[in-house]
C-alpha cells in the first residue's frame, strides 16, 4: 500500500471519467474554474472542488483498492443478520460487497454516479463512521495514513484534469474499455489504461 494504492485509485478514477465524458467535462470545468490561470492545483484549492472529491469517492466505492479489509476478532458472542457469531471468531469485511449494497446505494449501486456524494450521500466520508463506504477501514484499526492517502490521490488527479485534455487512442470507444480487475492485495485495473493527453494550458 501507499503510492501503489494511490496510483490505482487515480487509474480507476481516470477510467471512469473517460468512460463517462459528461463527468470528465464537469470535473475539468470545476477544477479549471477554481484554479484559473495559476498553472497548477495546490492543496489550498482542494476544499473548493466538491465534484472532484465526489468522483474520487465514487471511484473508491466502485473499485475499493483494498476490497477485503483487515480481519477482526470478535471479543464477545454476537448476533449479526440472524447469525450467531461466537467470541474469538475471525471476521473480515468485504468492502467491495458493502459498496454495492442496494440498501445503502439504491437501485443503481453498480453505476458510476459521482453526484450521489453531492446529494443523498453528501455527508458520507472516509473517516470510517459511514459503514457504506469503507476504503480505509473503520475504528481503531483504520488506515493511519488516510489523510495522506487522500492527498496523494486528490492533488495529482486534480492536476491531471487541470493540465490536460484526455482522449482514447484512435479507434477505441469508451464502451471498449475493459473493467477487469487484477486480484491481489490491492485491486488494480487488469488492462492498462491507455489515454492520449493534449496540453490544455
Protein backbone atom coordinates (compact mmCIF):
# COMPACT_ATOMS: atom_id res chain seq x y z
CA UNK A 1 0.00 0.00 0.00
CA UNK A 2 0.95 3.67 -0.21
CA UNK A 3 1.90 5.09 -3.59
CA UNK A 4 0.82 1.83 -5.23
CA UNK A 5 -2.73 2.11 -3.94
CA UNK A 6 -2.91 5.87 -4.62
CA UNK A 7 -1.87 5.26 -8.22
CA UNK A 8 -4.52 2.54 -8.54
CA UNK A 9 -7.21 4.96 -7.35
CA UNK A 10 -6.12 7.59 -9.89
CA UNK A 11 -6.19 4.98 -12.69
CA UNK A 12 -9.69 3.84 -11.71
CA UNK A 13 -10.94 7.44 -11.46
CA UNK A 14 -9.50 8.29 -14.88
CA UNK A 15 -11.02 5.10 -16.28
CA UNK A 16 -14.48 6.07 -15.10
CA UNK A 17 -14.13 9.65 -16.33
CA UNK A 18 -13.02 8.54 -19.80
CA UNK A 19 -16.00 6.13 -19.91
CA UNK A 20 -18.34 8.94 -18.83
CA UNK A 21 -17.34 12.05 -20.85
CA UNK A 22 -20.01 14.23 -19.24
CA UNK A 23 -18.47 13.54 -15.82
CA UNK A 24 -14.99 14.28 -17.24
CA UNK A 25 -16.19 17.64 -18.55
CA UNK A 26 -17.88 18.51 -15.27
CA UNK A 27 -14.76 17.62 -13.25
CA UNK A 28 -12.42 19.51 -15.58
CA UNK A 29 -14.67 22.57 -15.69
CA UNK A 30 -14.79 22.67 -11.89
CA UNK A 31 -11.02 22.35 -11.48
CA UNK A 32 -10.23 24.89 -14.20
CA UNK A 33 -12.78 27.42 -12.91
CA UNK A 34 -11.46 27.20 -9.34
CA UNK A 35 -7.74 27.25 -10.22
CA UNK A 36 -7.94 29.76 -13.06
CA UNK A 37 -4.61 30.79 -14.62
CA UNK A 38 -2.46 29.81 -11.62
CA UNK A 39 -0.90 26.94 -13.61
CA UNK A 40 -1.31 24.11 -11.10
CA UNK A 41 -3.69 22.76 -8.48
CA UNK A 42 -2.45 23.19 -4.92
CA UNK A 43 -3.62 21.80 -1.60
CA UNK A 44 -5.48 25.05 -0.89
CA UNK A 45 -7.69 24.51 -3.97
CA UNK A 46 -8.92 21.04 -2.98
CA UNK A 47 -11.64 22.11 -0.47
CA UNK A 48 -13.25 24.11 -3.30
CA UNK A 49 -13.54 21.06 -5.58
CA UNK A 50 -16.61 19.13 -4.34
CA UNK A 51 -17.26 17.37 -7.65
CA UNK A 52 -13.64 16.17 -7.87
CA UNK A 53 -13.99 14.78 -4.34
CA UNK A 54 -17.27 13.10 -5.34
CA UNK A 55 -15.56 11.47 -8.36
CA UNK A 56 -12.84 10.08 -6.08
CA UNK A 57 -15.39 8.77 -3.56
CA UNK A 58 -17.46 7.17 -6.29
CA UNK A 59 -14.36 5.56 -7.83
CA UNK A 60 -13.31 4.20 -4.43
CA UNK A 61 -16.86 2.97 -3.83
CA UNK A 62 -16.99 1.05 -7.10
CA UNK A 63 -13.37 -0.12 -7.05
CA UNK A 64 -12.14 -0.23 -3.45
CA UNK A 65 -8.39 -0.69 -3.80
CA UNK A 66 -8.34 -2.96 -0.75
CA UNK A 67 -11.60 -4.92 -1.25
CA UNK A 68 -11.30 -7.14 1.84
CA UNK A 69 -10.50 -5.18 4.99
CA UNK A 70 -8.09 -6.41 7.65
CA UNK A 71 -9.55 -9.18 9.74
CA UNK A 72 -11.02 -8.59 13.18
CA UNK A 73 -11.74 -10.90 16.07
CA UNK A 74 -14.99 -10.76 18.00
CA UNK A 75 -14.48 -10.11 21.71
CA UNK A 76 -17.90 -11.44 22.76
CA UNK A 77 -20.72 -13.55 21.38
CA UNK A 78 -22.74 -11.57 18.84
CA UNK A 79 -25.72 -11.96 16.56
CA UNK A 80 -25.36 -10.39 13.10
CA UNK A 81 -28.05 -10.69 10.44
CA UNK A 82 -29.63 -13.59 12.31
CA UNK A 83 -26.34 -15.50 12.58
CA UNK A 84 -24.74 -16.41 15.91
CA UNK A 85 -21.09 -15.34 15.96
CA UNK A 86 -19.16 -16.78 18.91
CA UNK A 87 -16.45 -14.83 20.73
CA UNK A 88 -12.93 -15.16 19.27
CA UNK A 89 -14.27 -15.61 15.71
CA UNK A 90 -12.11 -14.09 12.96
CA UNK A 91 -14.25 -11.95 10.66
CA UNK A 92 -13.43 -10.00 7.53
CA UNK A 93 -15.42 -7.17 5.98
CA UNK A 94 -15.96 -7.34 2.23
CA UNK A 95 -15.77 -3.61 1.39
CA UNK A 96 -16.45 -4.39 -2.27
CA UNK A 97 -19.81 -6.02 -1.45
CA UNK A 98 -20.74 -3.32 1.08
CA UNK A 99 -20.19 -0.64 -1.56
CA UNK A 100 -22.66 -2.37 -3.88
CA UNK A 101 -25.40 -2.94 -1.32
CA UNK A 102 -28.76 -1.72 -2.65
CA UNK A 103 -29.90 -0.95 0.91
CA UNK A 104 -27.20 1.73 1.11
CA UNK A 105 -26.85 2.78 -2.53
CA UNK A 106 -30.32 2.35 -4.01
CA UNK A 107 -31.31 0.52 -7.17
CA UNK A 108 -28.21 1.50 -9.13
CA UNK A 109 -25.19 0.59 -6.99
CA UNK A 110 -23.13 -0.59 -9.98
CA UNK A 111 -23.46 2.70 -11.88
CA UNK A 112 -20.87 5.49 -11.77
CA UNK A 113 -22.78 8.48 -10.38
CA UNK A 114 -20.49 10.94 -8.56
CA UNK A 115 -23.48 13.20 -7.91
CA UNK A 116 -24.71 10.76 -5.26
CA UNK A 117 -21.98 12.19 -2.99
CA UNK A 118 -23.28 15.71 -3.58
CA UNK A 119 -26.93 14.81 -2.97
CA UNK A 120 -28.35 11.94 -0.92
CA UNK A 121 -24.93 10.67 0.28
CA UNK A 122 -23.42 14.15 0.71
CA UNK A 123 -22.21 13.63 4.29
CA UNK A 124 -20.55 10.26 3.64
CA UNK A 125 -16.80 10.50 4.20
CA UNK A 126 -13.71 8.30 4.57
CA UNK A 127 -13.45 8.51 8.35
CA UNK A 128 -14.98 5.09 8.97
CA UNK A 129 -18.22 6.33 10.56
CA UNK A 130 -20.23 5.72 7.38
CA UNK A 131 -20.21 1.96 7.05
CA UNK A 132 -21.45 2.02 3.46
CA UNK A 133 -18.07 3.46 2.33
CA UNK A 134 -15.01 1.91 3.98
CA UNK A 135 -11.99 2.28 1.65
CA UNK A 136 -9.74 2.97 4.66
CA UNK A 137 -11.42 0.66 7.14
CA UNK A 138 -13.04 1.77 10.37
CA UNK A 139 -12.41 2.11 14.06
CA UNK A 140 -9.07 1.88 15.82
CA UNK A 141 -7.55 -0.20 13.04
CA UNK A 142 -8.47 2.02 10.12
CA UNK A 143 -5.62 3.15 7.89
CA UNK A 144 -3.46 5.56 9.93
CA UNK A 145 -2.35 7.32 6.74
CA UNK A 146 -5.87 8.05 5.47
CA UNK A 147 -5.34 11.81 5.16
CA UNK A 148 -2.00 11.33 3.39
CA UNK A 149 -3.55 8.72 1.10
CA UNK A 150 -6.42 11.03 0.14
CA UNK A 151 -3.97 13.88 -0.57
CA UNK A 152 -1.84 11.51 -2.68
CA UNK A 153 -4.91 10.98 -4.87
CA UNK A 154 -6.62 14.39 -4.87
CA UNK A 155 -3.70 16.64 -5.83
CA UNK A 156 -2.19 14.56 -8.69
CA UNK A 157 -5.65 13.65 -10.02
CA UNK A 158 -6.78 17.29 -9.98
CA UNK A 159 -3.60 18.35 -11.79
CA UNK A 160 -4.12 15.70 -14.48
CA UNK A 161 -7.60 17.09 -15.09
CA UNK A 162 -6.42 20.70 -14.97
CA UNK A 163 -3.38 20.44 -17.23
CA UNK A 164 -4.55 18.03 -19.92
CA UNK A 165 -7.49 17.17 -22.12
CA UNK A 166 -7.78 13.39 -22.35
CA UNK A 167 -8.99 11.12 -25.13
CA UNK A 168 -8.81 7.48 -26.09
CA UNK A 169 -6.46 6.35 -28.87
CA UNK A 170 -7.96 6.46 -32.35
CA UNK A 171 -10.49 3.71 -32.99
CA UNK A 172 -11.23 2.95 -29.33
CA UNK A 173 -14.60 3.86 -27.86
CA UNK A 174 -15.41 4.28 -24.14
CA UNK A 175 -17.51 1.12 -24.19
CA UNK A 176 -14.42 -0.82 -25.40
CA UNK A 177 -12.59 -0.21 -22.12
CA UNK A 178 -12.35 -3.41 -20.09
CA UNK A 179 -13.06 -3.09 -16.38
CA UNK A 180 -11.46 -6.37 -15.32
CA UNK A 181 -9.60 -6.40 -12.04
CA UNK A 182 -6.19 -7.87 -11.28
CA UNK A 183 -6.57 -9.66 -7.97
CA UNK A 184 -4.05 -9.34 -5.21
CA UNK A 185 -3.60 -7.36 -2.02
CA UNK A 186 -4.55 -4.20 -3.93
CA UNK A 187 -7.23 -4.20 -6.63
CA UNK A 188 -5.59 -2.81 -9.78
CA UNK A 189 -7.10 -2.50 -13.22
CA UNK A 190 -6.07 -5.64 -15.12
CA UNK A 191 -5.57 -3.98 -18.51
CA UNK A 192 -3.54 -0.80 -18.73
CA UNK A 193 -5.49 2.39 -19.32
CA UNK A 194 -4.05 3.99 -22.46
CA UNK A 195 -5.01 7.62 -23.00
CA UNK A 196 -3.86 10.40 -25.30
CA UNK A 197 -3.15 13.65 -23.41
CA UNK A 198 -3.28 17.07 -25.00
CA UNK A 199 -1.91 20.03 -23.05
CA UNK A 200 -4.70 22.37 -22.03
CA UNK A 201 -2.57 25.28 -20.80
